[in-house]
Each structure stands twice: as structure tokens, then as C-alpha cells.
Amino acid sequence: MKIDLELFKIIYLLSNCDFDFLKKRRKNHE
């Protein structure tokens, strides 16, 4: 259970980073 929580946290952080990256890229594109 603890491992799943850590994994979830990592995935959550990674998806947030990806989202920020996509937002910045889109902004630069405009």
C-alpha cells in the first residue's frame, strides 16, 4: 500500500510537470 502511494505521488508529480511544460510550450507558440 505504501509503495502504491509513492508511485501515485511520482505519477502525479510527473503529470503536473508535463502539463506545465505543455502550457508553456503553447504560450511560446502563440
Protein backbone atom coordinates (compact mmCIF):
# COMPACT_ATOMS: atom_id res chain seq x y z
CA MET A 1 0.00 0.00 0.00
CA LYS A 2 2.82 2.39 0.89
CA ILE A 3 4.59 1.64 -2.39
CA ASP A 4 1.40 2.35 -4.33
CA LEU A 5 1.10 5.70 -2.59
CA GLU A 6 4.67 6.62 -3.52
CA LEU A 7 4.09 5.51 -7.08
CA PHE A 8 0.91 7.56 -7.25
CA LYS A 9 2.77 10.61 -5.93
CA ILE A 10 5.50 10.22 -8.56
CA ILE A 11 2.98 9.81 -11.38
CA TYR A 12 1.02 12.80 -10.09
CA LEU A 13 4.13 14.99 -9.97
CA LEU A 14 5.22 13.84 -13.42
CA SER A 15 1.84 14.59 -14.97
CA ASN A 16 1.87 18.04 -13.37
CA CYS A 17 5.30 18.71 -14.86
CA ASP A 18 4.11 17.52 -18.26
CA PHE A 19 1.06 19.75 -18.01
CA ASP A 20 3.17 22.80 -17.11
CA PHE A 21 5.53 22.01 -19.94
CA LEU A 22 2.68 21.77 -22.45
CA LYS A 23 1.18 25.02 -21.20
CA LYS A 24 4.50 26.85 -21.54
CA ARG A 25 5.07 25.39 -24.98
CA ARG A 26 1.63 26.50 -26.09
CA LYS A 27 2.25 30.00 -24.75
CA ASN A 28 5.54 30.27 -26.62
CA HIS A 29 3.86 29.04 -29.77
CA GLU A 30 1.31 31.88 -29.77
